[in-house]
Amino acid sequence: MEDEYVVVLDKDRDFCRLFRSDSAETPAGEVLWTGNGLRRGYDAMIRLNKERRPINSFVVCTRMSPKGRAAYRIVKGEPGTGWSEVERFYDFASARDAMKALVKARNEAEAAERERSFEIMRRVGILSKRIPKFTDADMRYVGWLRETGRFAA
């Protein structure tokens, strides 16, 4: 015959504990589970303690830097002022993987834009390793070159 067990909330330790139902050491408190079998009692105690523990959420946040570049970070709970939520996760590894993917996509887009700027500079005849700030007049000139067919190939 299996013994009867109880899971009791121990207020001193703020933790659910498992005791035999006839134990003199059982603390006074709310009985959360009663049943037969040590294994089932232990599983119930673990489940009840997990339910009582608050679940941390990890939020991947973004905001634009003063130079116009997207910045990302992971925070617990809610994002602070100035940060907007991208996605919410309940384990840190998933949040870190999502942030890595966002950073990789941002870096690839910036590299493609940089390469496009270098291509325009080569076609126009600017030989430099530094990208200048293109003005509206510069962009109109590049548009005119494209329209007239002088920019292609």
Protein backbone atom coordinates (compact mmCIF):
# COMPACT_ATOMS: atom_id res chain seq x y z
CA MET A 1 0.00 0.00 0.00
CA GLU A 2 1.29 3.45 -0.92
CA ASP A 3 1.58 6.16 1.70
CA GLU A 4 -0.41 9.36 1.48
CA TYR A 5 1.54 12.57 0.93
CA VAL A 6 0.70 16.27 1.04
CA VAL A 7 2.31 19.32 -0.56
CA VAL A 8 2.16 22.31 1.78
CA LEU A 9 3.16 25.92 1.20
CA ASP A 10 5.86 26.67 3.78
CA LYS A 11 5.45 30.40 4.47
CA ASP A 12 8.80 30.65 6.28
CA ARG A 13 10.69 29.51 3.19
CA ASP A 14 8.15 30.71 0.59
CA PHE A 15 8.39 27.31 -1.04
CA CYS A 16 6.09 24.31 -1.52
CA ARG A 17 7.31 21.24 0.37
CA LEU A 18 6.35 17.55 0.36
CA PHE A 19 5.50 15.68 3.57
CA ARG A 20 3.85 12.44 4.56
CA SER A 21 0.32 13.16 5.68
CA ASP A 22 0.99 11.75 9.18
CA SER A 23 4.27 13.68 9.68
CA ALA A 24 4.62 15.79 12.80
CA GLU A 25 7.00 18.17 10.97
CA THR A 26 4.36 19.35 8.50
CA PRO A 27 4.24 23.17 8.80
CA ALA A 28 0.95 24.94 9.32
CA GLY A 29 -0.21 26.30 6.01
CA GLU A 30 -2.36 25.72 2.99
CA VAL A 31 -2.39 22.15 1.65
CA LEU A 32 -1.97 22.47 -2.13
CA TRP A 33 -2.00 18.79 -3.09
CA THR A 34 -2.93 15.47 -1.49
CA GLY A 35 -2.38 12.05 -2.99
CA ASN A 36 -0.75 8.64 -2.86
CA GLY A 37 2.77 7.87 -4.01
CA LEU A 38 6.07 9.57 -3.34
CA ARG A 39 6.86 10.06 -7.05
CA ARG A 40 3.50 11.71 -7.78
CA GLY A 41 3.89 13.92 -4.71
CA TYR A 42 7.37 14.97 -5.76
CA ASP A 43 6.17 15.78 -9.29
CA ALA A 44 3.28 17.80 -7.86
CA MET A 45 5.67 19.73 -5.59
CA ILE A 46 7.94 20.59 -8.54
CA ARG A 47 4.98 21.66 -10.69
CA LEU A 48 3.50 23.85 -7.94
CA ASN A 49 6.85 25.56 -7.26
CA LYS A 50 7.29 26.30 -10.96
CA GLU A 51 3.79 27.77 -11.12
CA ARG A 52 4.50 30.02 -8.13
CA ARG A 53 7.78 31.33 -9.51
CA PRO A 54 7.30 34.35 -11.80
CA ILE A 55 8.32 33.76 -15.39
CA ASN A 56 10.95 36.14 -16.73
CA SER A 57 10.40 37.48 -20.20
CA PHE A 58 13.24 38.74 -22.34
CA VAL A 59 12.43 41.51 -24.80
CA VAL A 60 14.47 42.35 -27.88
CA CYS A 61 14.30 46.15 -28.20
CA THR A 62 15.38 48.59 -30.87
CA ARG A 63 15.85 52.30 -31.32
CA MET A 64 17.59 54.55 -33.79
CA SER A 65 20.95 55.99 -32.82
CA PRO A 66 21.64 59.70 -33.38
CA LYS A 67 23.50 58.76 -36.58
CA GLY A 68 20.48 56.84 -37.91
CA ARG A 69 21.71 53.30 -37.24
CA ALA A 70 19.40 50.75 -35.61
CA ALA A 71 20.61 49.67 -32.17
CA TYR A 72 19.39 46.49 -30.46
CA ARG A 73 19.45 45.18 -26.91
CA ILE A 74 17.82 42.56 -24.69
CA VAL A 75 16.04 43.56 -21.48
CA LYS A 76 14.12 41.67 -18.82
CA GLY A 77 10.52 42.74 -18.44
CA GLU A 78 9.53 45.93 -20.22
CA PRO A 79 11.71 48.11 -22.49
CA GLY A 80 12.74 51.50 -21.17
CA THR A 81 11.86 54.88 -22.58
CA GLY A 82 13.03 55.41 -26.12
CA TRP A 83 13.19 51.70 -26.88
CA SER A 84 10.49 49.87 -28.83
CA GLU A 85 9.73 46.17 -28.51
CA VAL A 86 10.59 43.96 -31.48
CA GLU A 87 9.84 40.53 -30.02
CA ARG A 88 9.30 38.86 -26.61
CA PHE A 89 10.85 35.54 -25.52
CA TYR A 90 10.73 33.43 -22.36
CA ASP A 91 14.27 32.09 -22.57
CA PHE A 92 17.44 34.11 -23.04
CA ALA A 93 18.97 31.89 -25.73
CA SER A 94 16.06 32.49 -28.13
CA ALA A 95 16.19 36.24 -27.50
CA ARG A 96 19.94 36.28 -28.14
CA ASP A 97 19.52 34.33 -31.40
CA ALA A 98 16.80 36.73 -32.59
CA MET A 99 18.98 39.74 -31.77
CA LYS A 100 21.93 38.17 -33.64
CA ALA A 101 19.71 37.69 -36.70
CA LEU A 102 18.54 41.33 -36.55
CA VAL A 103 22.12 42.62 -36.22
CA LYS A 104 23.26 40.41 -39.10
CA ALA A 105 20.43 41.68 -41.34
CA ARG A 106 21.26 45.29 -40.41
CA ASN A 107 24.96 44.81 -41.14
CA GLU A 108 24.25 43.13 -44.50
CA ALA A 109 21.91 45.97 -45.51
CA GLU A 110 24.53 48.56 -44.55
CA ALA A 111 27.21 46.67 -46.51
CA ALA A 112 24.95 46.50 -49.58
CA GLU A 113 24.23 50.24 -49.33
CA ARG A 114 27.95 50.96 -48.98
CA GLU A 115 28.75 48.83 -52.02
CA ARG A 116 26.01 50.61 -54.01
CA SER A 117 27.55 53.96 -53.09
CA PHE A 118 31.02 52.79 -54.18
CA GLU A 119 29.54 51.56 -57.47
CA ILE A 120 27.99 54.97 -58.13
CA MET A 121 31.31 56.63 -57.29
CA ARG A 122 33.22 54.37 -59.70
CA ARG A 123 30.74 54.99 -62.54
CA VAL A 124 30.86 58.74 -62.03
CA GLY A 125 34.63 58.77 -61.81
CA ILE A 126 35.23 59.42 -58.13
CA LEU A 127 38.18 57.32 -56.98
CA SER A 128 38.13 57.38 -53.20
CA LYS A 129 37.98 54.91 -50.35
CA ARG A 130 35.73 57.24 -48.39
CA ILE A 131 32.08 57.79 -49.26
CA PRO A 132 31.23 61.50 -49.48
CA LYS A 133 27.83 62.89 -48.56
CA PHE A 134 25.81 62.95 -51.76
CA THR A 135 23.81 66.14 -52.19
CA ASP A 136 20.51 66.44 -54.02
CA ALA A 137 22.39 67.83 -57.04
CA ASP A 138 24.67 64.77 -57.03
CA MET A 139 21.69 62.41 -56.98
CA ARG A 140 19.96 64.37 -59.79
CA TYR A 141 23.16 64.01 -61.85
CA VAL A 142 23.26 60.25 -61.23
CA GLY A 143 19.56 60.04 -62.18
CA TRP A 144 20.26 61.98 -65.39
CA LEU A 145 23.13 59.60 -66.22
CA ARG A 146 20.78 56.64 -65.78
CA GLU A 147 18.05 58.23 -67.92
CA THR A 148 20.39 59.02 -70.78
CA GLY A 149 21.98 55.58 -70.72
CA ARG A 150 25.47 56.81 -69.89
CA PHE A 151 25.46 55.15 -66.48
CA ALA A 152 24.63 51.59 -67.63
CA ALA A 153 27.40 49.02 -68.16
